[in-house]
Structures are given as C-alpha cells and as structure tokens.
Amino acid sequence: EAIKAEAPRPLERNIHLTTALAGDLMDELADAYGQKWFQERVRKCARDSGYERSVFLMRLKDVAFEVQKPVLEKWGFEGNEHGVREMTAAIREHAGKNGKEMPDWLKQKQDRCLELLYGGKEGGMLEILTR
C-alpha cells in the first residue's frame, strides 16, 4: 500500500533508542534492504527515474516502505509515514546537534544501511545521493 500524501502531523517522539539499540535497528533495516528482491526493485526504480535524484527518492519512498513497515512495527513505531519519521529522528538523535558526533561504529552501520537502501554500489544511485 502506498503512503498517502497527507500533510504530515507534527512529529511526536515516543521512542528513544540507546546507541546500542539504534545500531541493532540499523542492522535490521540493512538486512531488510539487502534482500535480493528489494535490491532489484530499487535498481529498477533508479533506471525508471533516469537516475534523476528527486524522482528516484520520491519513487523509492513507497518501495522502501514495504520493507520498513514490519521493522517499524516490530520496534514499536507506527507502521506509517509518521513511524518512518520518528524512526529516522530516533537514529539521528545519536549524531549530536551538529549531525557529526555519531560514534564511528554506528556511522558505519548507517552508511551500510543507506548504501543498501539506495541499491548498493552497483545500483547507480549511491554516488549521486551521497556526493
């Protein structure tokens, strides 16, 4: 099911993760993103969007949500766009106020997670999105 395009409600933070749990959550997301069918869909999404950054990210949202939803719900987040935003905020919290204070081991997990989310090094979008 596609995420409905309604005005997002103000972010309510109900879940706060320790650094270790944030790492576990990113491992689970990386496992979900690493599935062969998901990688194939993301790469098709990249081709279909002509490797155009904004088009790709818009299309990726729905594809990614299919694998994010069960992880969100398992971790107690809502299984909707608000849950995605809260999960992102719970992880981002560990980057500090300037966004650059994440411990190296956690940053490596985040990088791996994003690499898989964007279709890996072979997917053609990683370089475009992480420049």
Foldseek 3Di string as FASTA:
>chain_A
DFADPDPDDPQDAPDADDLVVLLVLLVLLLVLLQDPVNLVVLLVLCVVQVLDVVSSVVVLRRSSLVSVQVSLVVVPFHSHPSSVVNSVVNNQVQCPPVNNNHPPVSVVSVLSSVCSSNNHPVSSNPVVVPD
